[in-house]
N, C-alpha and C. Protein backbone atom coordinates (compact mmCIF):
# COMPACT_ATOMS: atom_id res chain seq x y z
N MET A 1 50.51 42.02 -19.34
CA MET A 1 49.46 41.48 -19.77
C MET A 1 48.72 40.34 -20.10
N SER A 2 49.07 40.27 -21.34
CA SER A 2 48.68 38.76 -21.88
C SER A 2 49.40 37.69 -21.20
N ASN A 3 50.43 38.20 -20.01
CA ASN A 3 50.84 36.80 -19.52
C ASN A 3 50.36 36.54 -18.53
N SER A 4 49.28 37.91 -17.35
CA SER A 4 49.06 37.52 -16.15
C SER A 4 47.47 37.42 -16.59
N ASN A 5 47.04 37.44 -18.09
CA ASN A 5 45.41 36.43 -18.29
C ASN A 5 45.94 34.67 -18.80
N SER A 6 46.96 34.65 -19.30
CA SER A 6 47.30 33.74 -19.71
C SER A 6 47.79 32.96 -18.11
N GLU A 7 48.00 33.77 -17.10
CA GLU A 7 48.41 32.58 -15.68
C GLU A 7 47.13 32.73 -15.01
N SER A 8 46.56 33.80 -15.03
CA SER A 8 44.76 33.16 -14.75
C SER A 8 43.75 32.09 -15.25
N GLN A 9 43.93 32.56 -16.55
CA GLN A 9 43.58 31.43 -16.98
C GLN A 9 44.07 29.73 -16.57
N SER A 10 45.19 29.88 -16.89
CA SER A 10 46.02 27.96 -16.41
C SER A 10 45.29 27.88 -15.04
N GLN A 11 45.81 29.17 -13.91
CA GLN A 11 45.08 28.68 -12.73
C GLN A 11 43.54 28.34 -12.32
N ALA A 12 42.50 28.98 -13.18
CA ALA A 12 41.39 28.34 -13.19
C ALA A 12 40.62 27.15 -13.86
N GLU A 13 41.45 26.76 -14.79
CA GLU A 13 41.58 25.40 -15.42
C GLU A 13 42.14 24.42 -14.47
N ALA A 14 43.47 24.95 -13.45
CA ALA A 14 43.58 24.01 -12.70
C ALA A 14 42.58 23.29 -11.05
N ILE A 15 41.86 24.67 -10.61
CA ILE A 15 40.87 24.33 -10.17
C ILE A 15 39.86 23.16 -10.52
N PRO A 16 39.89 22.64 -9.68
CA PRO A 16 38.20 21.33 -9.79
C PRO A 16 37.07 22.19 -9.25
N ARG A 17 35.77 21.70 -10.28
CA ARG A 17 35.14 22.75 -9.94
C ARG A 17 33.89 21.44 -9.18
N LYS A 18 33.17 21.72 -8.36
CA LYS A 18 32.60 20.99 -7.70
C LYS A 18 31.27 20.22 -8.67
N LYS A 19 31.79 19.31 -8.47
CA LYS A 19 30.07 18.08 -9.06
C LYS A 19 28.78 19.01 -8.38
N ILE A 20 28.06 19.04 -9.20
CA ILE A 20 26.40 19.32 -8.65
C ILE A 20 26.03 17.76 -8.18
N LYS A 21 25.35 18.13 -6.85
CA LYS A 21 24.63 17.07 -6.45
C LYS A 21 23.20 17.14 -7.05
N ARG A 22 22.56 15.93 -7.64
CA ARG A 22 21.13 16.33 -7.15
C ARG A 22 20.20 15.21 -6.72
N ALA A 23 19.36 15.72 -6.40
CA ALA A 23 18.61 15.02 -5.58
C ALA A 23 17.56 14.02 -6.36
N SER A 24 17.83 12.99 -5.76
CA SER A 24 16.82 11.74 -6.02
C SER A 24 15.40 12.09 -5.42
N LYS A 25 14.49 11.51 -6.42
CA LYS A 25 12.72 11.87 -6.74
C LYS A 25 11.99 10.61 -6.83
N TRP A 26 10.83 10.72 -6.43
CA TRP A 26 10.15 9.48 -6.45
C TRP A 26 10.52 8.65 -7.53
N GLN A 27 10.63 7.52 -7.65
CA GLN A 27 10.64 6.18 -8.84
C GLN A 27 9.23 5.41 -8.72
N ASP A 28 8.83 5.05 -9.98
CA ASP A 28 8.08 4.08 -9.64
C ASP A 28 8.10 2.87 -9.19
N GLU A 29 9.80 1.91 -9.55
CA GLU A 29 9.96 0.86 -9.31
C GLU A 29 10.25 0.27 -7.81
N TRP A 30 10.06 1.64 -7.02
CA TRP A 30 10.00 1.51 -5.52
C TRP A 30 8.77 1.16 -4.37
N LYS A 31 7.62 0.56 -5.75
CA LYS A 31 6.66 0.68 -5.15
C LYS A 31 6.64 -1.02 -5.09
N ARG A 32 7.85 -1.74 -5.44
CA ARG A 32 7.97 -3.08 -5.01
C ARG A 32 8.52 -3.20 -4.00
N TYR A 33 8.92 -2.36 -3.08
CA TYR A 33 9.73 -2.42 -1.67
C TYR A 33 8.46 -1.90 -0.97
N ASN A 34 7.34 -1.35 -0.97
CA ASN A 34 5.99 -0.92 -0.59
C ASN A 34 5.83 -0.12 -0.37
N MET A 35 6.84 1.22 -0.86
CA MET A 35 6.75 2.74 -0.49
C MET A 35 5.67 3.07 -1.32
N CYS A 36 5.14 4.65 -1.58
CA CYS A 36 5.11 5.26 -2.48
C CYS A 36 4.88 6.62 -1.98
N VAL A 37 4.28 7.78 -2.70
CA VAL A 37 4.69 8.96 -2.83
C VAL A 37 4.78 9.47 -1.16
N SER A 38 5.39 10.47 -1.03
CA SER A 38 4.97 11.38 0.42
C SER A 38 4.16 12.37 0.69
N ARG A 39 3.76 12.90 1.23
CA ARG A 39 2.73 14.15 0.78
C ARG A 39 4.31 15.28 1.31
N ARG A 40 5.27 15.14 1.83
CA ARG A 40 6.34 16.08 2.16
C ARG A 40 6.75 16.53 1.13
N GLY A 41 6.53 15.34 0.13
CA GLY A 41 7.28 16.24 -1.49
C GLY A 41 7.90 14.98 -1.99
N PRO A 42 8.40 15.48 -3.37
CA PRO A 42 9.07 14.60 -4.38
C PRO A 42 10.10 14.11 -3.43
N THR A 43 11.00 14.97 -2.81
CA THR A 43 11.88 13.81 -2.33
C THR A 43 12.23 13.15 -0.74
N PHE A 44 10.92 12.74 -0.44
CA PHE A 44 10.58 11.97 0.31
C PHE A 44 9.44 10.65 -0.58
N VAL A 45 9.96 9.71 0.48
CA VAL A 45 8.90 8.20 0.41
C VAL A 45 8.29 7.75 1.64
N HIS A 46 7.07 7.95 1.48
CA HIS A 46 6.08 7.27 2.49
C HIS A 46 6.47 5.45 2.36
N CYS A 47 6.71 5.04 3.68
CA CYS A 47 6.40 3.70 3.85
C CYS A 47 5.21 3.32 4.41
N CYS A 48 4.28 1.81 3.44
CA CYS A 48 2.97 1.65 3.41
C CYS A 48 3.33 0.70 5.26
N ILE A 49 4.51 0.27 4.84
CA ILE A 49 4.39 -1.00 6.20
C ILE A 49 4.56 -0.40 7.37
N CYS A 50 5.33 0.81 7.98
CA CYS A 50 5.20 1.19 9.08
C CYS A 50 5.09 2.46 9.15
N GLY A 51 4.70 3.54 8.22
CA GLY A 51 3.86 4.57 7.79
C GLY A 51 5.04 5.89 8.43
N THR A 52 6.38 5.52 7.80
CA THR A 52 7.19 6.42 8.15
C THR A 52 7.39 7.15 6.78
N ASP A 53 7.69 8.45 6.94
CA ASP A 53 8.24 9.12 5.71
C ASP A 53 9.76 9.38 5.55
N PHE A 54 10.57 8.95 5.06
CA PHE A 54 12.22 9.53 5.15
C PHE A 54 12.30 10.39 3.38
N SER A 55 13.23 10.59 3.53
CA SER A 55 14.48 11.13 2.26
C SER A 55 15.25 10.57 1.88
N VAL A 56 15.00 10.93 0.40
CA VAL A 56 15.91 10.21 -0.29
C VAL A 56 16.50 10.88 -1.45
N ALA A 57 16.74 12.03 -0.61
CA ALA A 57 17.34 13.28 -1.79
C ALA A 57 18.59 12.84 -1.76
N SER A 58 19.53 12.18 -0.97
CA SER A 58 21.02 11.93 -0.93
C SER A 58 21.00 10.64 -1.65
N GLY A 59 20.60 8.94 -1.33
CA GLY A 59 20.92 8.08 -1.24
C GLY A 59 19.93 7.27 -2.50
N GLY A 60 18.75 7.78 -2.30
CA GLY A 60 17.67 7.32 -3.93
C GLY A 60 17.51 6.30 -3.14
N VAL A 61 17.69 4.99 -4.10
CA VAL A 61 17.24 3.78 -4.25
C VAL A 61 18.02 2.70 -2.74
N ASN A 62 18.98 3.65 -2.52
CA ASN A 62 20.20 2.59 -1.66
C ASN A 62 19.42 3.37 -0.14
N GLU A 63 18.75 4.71 -0.03
CA GLU A 63 17.46 4.71 1.32
C GLU A 63 16.41 4.01 1.23
N VAL A 64 16.03 3.83 0.34
CA VAL A 64 14.87 2.45 0.19
C VAL A 64 15.32 0.88 0.73
N LYS A 65 15.96 0.90 0.06
CA LYS A 65 17.18 -0.74 0.59
C LYS A 65 17.34 -0.65 2.20
N ARG A 66 18.24 0.56 2.37
CA ARG A 66 18.10 0.60 4.05
C ARG A 66 17.21 0.34 4.60
N HIS A 67 16.45 1.51 4.00
CA HIS A 67 14.93 1.30 5.21
C HIS A 67 14.38 0.17 5.33
N ALA A 68 14.23 -0.75 4.25
CA ALA A 68 13.54 -1.40 4.07
C ALA A 68 14.43 -2.62 5.52
N GLN A 69 15.53 -2.80 5.12
CA GLN A 69 16.77 -3.53 6.20
C GLN A 69 16.12 -3.25 7.58
N GLY A 70 15.80 -2.44 7.63
CA GLY A 70 15.72 -1.93 9.04
C GLY A 70 14.96 -2.36 10.40
N LYS A 71 14.86 -2.35 11.75
CA LYS A 71 14.97 -3.05 12.60
C LYS A 71 12.88 -3.07 12.85
N ARG A 72 12.74 -1.62 12.64
CA ARG A 72 10.85 -1.21 13.12
C ARG A 72 10.34 -2.04 11.59
N HIS A 73 11.23 -1.68 10.47
CA HIS A 73 10.15 -2.16 8.90
C HIS A 73 10.09 -3.27 9.28
N THR A 74 11.07 -4.19 9.29
CA THR A 74 11.22 -5.80 9.49
C THR A 74 10.59 -6.38 10.64
N GLU A 75 10.20 -5.58 12.04
CA GLU A 75 9.00 -5.99 12.77
C GLU A 75 7.45 -5.90 12.47
N ARG A 76 7.32 -4.58 11.70
CA ARG A 76 6.21 -4.46 11.15
C ARG A 76 5.83 -5.28 10.17
N ALA A 77 6.69 -5.84 9.29
CA ALA A 77 6.21 -6.50 8.11
C ALA A 77 5.95 -7.78 8.36
N GLN A 78 6.85 -8.11 9.66
CA GLN A 78 6.66 -9.70 10.30
C GLN A 78 4.88 -9.15 10.71
N GLN A 79 4.23 -8.17 11.63
CA GLN A 79 3.20 -8.45 12.03
C GLN A 79 1.67 -8.24 11.05
N THR A 80 2.31 -7.63 9.67
CA THR A 80 1.46 -7.61 8.76
C THR A 80 1.17 -9.04 7.76
N SER A 81 2.56 -9.66 7.92
CA SER A 81 2.62 -11.04 6.97
C SER A 81 1.23 -11.54 8.09
N SER A 82 1.48 -11.49 9.69
CA SER A 82 0.29 -12.30 10.30
C SER A 82 -0.63 -12.53 10.35
N GLN A 83 -1.48 -11.34 9.55
CA GLN A 83 -2.90 -10.37 10.16
C GLN A 83 -3.22 -11.32 9.21
N ALA A 84 -4.39 -11.32 9.49
CA ALA A 84 -5.49 -12.00 8.52
C ALA A 84 -6.35 -11.10 7.57
N SER A 85 -6.64 -11.71 6.52
CA SER A 85 -7.17 -10.04 5.61
C SER A 85 -8.81 -9.28 6.18
N ILE A 86 -9.24 -8.45 5.83
CA ILE A 86 -10.23 -8.26 6.19
C ILE A 86 -11.28 -8.83 5.48
N ALA A 87 -10.74 -9.31 4.42
CA ALA A 87 -12.46 -10.06 3.31
C ALA A 87 -12.37 -11.32 4.01
N THR A 88 -11.54 -12.01 5.01
CA THR A 88 -11.19 -13.30 5.24
C THR A 88 -12.41 -13.37 6.58
N MET A 89 -12.72 -11.98 7.43
CA MET A 89 -13.33 -11.78 8.39
C MET A 89 -14.40 -11.79 7.92
N PHE A 90 -15.03 -11.05 6.96
CA PHE A 90 -16.20 -11.09 6.63
C PHE A 90 -17.17 -12.14 5.64
N GLN A 91 -16.54 -13.37 5.51
CA GLN A 91 -16.29 -14.08 4.99
C GLN A 91 -17.57 -15.12 5.68
N LYS A 92 -16.79 -15.15 7.04
CA LYS A 92 -17.97 -16.34 7.91
C LYS A 92 -19.00 -15.38 7.88
N ASP A 93 -19.45 -14.19 8.21
CA ASP A 93 -20.47 -14.11 8.12
C ASP A 93 -22.09 -14.28 7.13
N VAL A 94 -21.31 -14.02 5.88
CA VAL A 94 -21.91 -14.49 4.84
C VAL A 94 -22.55 -15.81 4.40
N ASP A 95 -21.65 -16.19 5.55
CA ASP A 95 -21.85 -18.02 5.19
C ASP A 95 -22.95 -18.69 6.11
N SER A 96 -22.96 -17.83 7.22
CA SER A 96 -23.99 -17.80 8.15
C SER A 96 -25.48 -17.05 7.87
N VAL A 97 -24.97 -16.13 7.23
CA VAL A 97 -26.53 -15.54 6.76
C VAL A 97 -27.11 -16.04 5.52
N ARG A 98 -26.55 -16.80 4.86
CA ARG A 98 -27.01 -17.98 3.61
C ARG A 98 -27.50 -18.65 4.53
N HIS A 99 -26.85 -19.54 5.15
CA HIS A 99 -27.57 -20.72 6.50
C HIS A 99 -28.61 -20.59 6.78
N LYS A 100 -28.74 -19.42 7.75
CA LYS A 100 -29.96 -18.95 8.51
C LYS A 100 -31.41 -18.56 7.32
N THR A 101 -31.03 -18.22 6.14
CA THR A 101 -31.93 -17.67 5.23
C THR A 101 -32.56 -19.06 5.05
N THR A 102 -31.26 -19.77 4.56
CA THR A 102 -32.03 -21.72 4.18
C THR A 102 -32.86 -22.19 5.15
N ALA A 103 -32.40 -21.85 6.25
CA ALA A 103 -33.21 -22.28 7.21
C ALA A 103 -34.74 -22.08 7.82
N ALA A 104 -34.39 -20.56 7.37
CA ALA A 104 -35.81 -19.88 7.43
C ALA A 104 -37.01 -20.20 6.75
N GLU A 105 -36.47 -20.62 5.54
CA GLU A 105 -36.97 -21.32 3.83
C GLU A 105 -37.77 -22.28 4.37
N VAL A 106 -36.81 -23.57 4.38
CA VAL A 106 -37.21 -24.54 5.42
C VAL A 106 -38.18 -24.48 6.43
N TYR A 107 -37.74 -24.13 7.88
CA TYR A 107 -39.31 -23.68 8.74
C TYR A 107 -40.26 -23.15 8.41
N PHE A 108 -40.40 -22.24 6.97
CA PHE A 108 -41.45 -21.93 6.19
C PHE A 108 -42.26 -22.56 5.70
N ALA A 109 -41.94 -23.48 4.70
CA ALA A 109 -41.75 -24.53 4.22
C ALA A 109 -42.82 -25.55 5.19
N SER A 110 -42.10 -26.18 6.27
CA SER A 110 -42.77 -27.04 6.54
C SER A 110 -43.68 -26.67 7.55
N PHE A 111 -44.15 -25.32 7.88
CA PHE A 111 -45.12 -24.68 8.68
C PHE A 111 -46.44 -24.99 7.84
N ILE A 112 -46.30 -24.36 6.14
CA ILE A 112 -47.34 -24.44 5.72
C ILE A 112 -47.59 -25.91 5.04
N ALA A 113 -46.74 -27.23 4.62
CA ALA A 113 -46.98 -28.16 5.06
C ALA A 113 -47.74 -28.47 6.02
N GLU A 114 -47.51 -28.32 7.00
CA GLU A 114 -47.69 -28.99 8.27
C GLU A 114 -49.52 -28.51 8.65
N HIS A 115 -49.61 -27.20 8.02
CA HIS A 115 -50.89 -26.64 8.40
C HIS A 115 -51.85 -27.04 7.30
N ASN A 116 -51.45 -27.32 6.09
CA ASN A 116 -52.02 -27.53 4.86
C ASN A 116 -52.49 -26.29 4.52
N LEU A 117 -52.01 -25.12 4.60
CA LEU A 117 -52.35 -23.77 4.00
C LEU A 117 -52.05 -23.99 2.88
N HIS A 118 -53.27 -23.25 2.07
CA HIS A 118 -52.88 -22.87 0.28
C HIS A 118 -52.90 -21.48 0.33
N CYS A 119 -51.71 -21.47 0.11
CA CYS A 119 -51.24 -19.54 -0.12
C CYS A 119 -50.40 -19.57 -1.24
N ILE A 120 -50.93 -20.63 -2.49
CA ILE A 120 -50.54 -20.33 -3.60
C ILE A 120 -50.32 -18.60 -4.54
N SER A 121 -51.58 -18.39 -4.10
CA SER A 121 -51.87 -17.17 -5.47
C SER A 121 -51.12 -15.88 -4.11
N PHE A 122 -50.85 -16.12 -3.08
CA PHE A 122 -49.93 -15.14 -1.61
C PHE A 122 -48.44 -14.83 -2.71
N LEU A 123 -48.06 -16.41 -2.58
CA LEU A 123 -46.42 -16.57 -2.88
C LEU A 123 -46.41 -15.68 -4.53
N GLN A 124 -47.33 -16.38 -5.16
CA GLN A 124 -47.48 -15.61 -6.85
C GLN A 124 -47.05 -13.93 -6.58
N GLN A 125 -47.91 -13.66 -5.99
CA GLN A 125 -47.42 -12.31 -5.63
C GLN A 125 -46.54 -11.63 -5.26
N ALA A 126 -45.98 -12.09 -3.90
CA ALA A 126 -45.11 -11.87 -3.48
C ALA A 126 -43.48 -12.03 -4.28
N PHE A 127 -43.65 -13.20 -4.70
CA PHE A 127 -42.31 -13.69 -5.86
C PHE A 127 -42.71 -13.48 -7.23
């Protein structure tokens, strides 16, 4: 009996155990690839450039790099780099409002001077 126990122990040692695969989860260093946490779970990543969610459970950072080199991602990255930011779109409006305000003040001052109006007390109360 002891012989059969020793044989079963030696057979158990000879059989290799399967390596447990661990799923990759979100890493903060992936932000440099324009990725963020996905709503689908911790093993998924959301690409901020092309708007897709993909799994990084099996590949981790290699999946992120592979996605960044993909056709859809590179096309979208080129499109977003050529777009003007929203801040520059409103900058022109601010400048035109300032110009119009200055023009209105000049017209108002010239009207007062042309008609020789005395409205100092009114202006002191208004401003």
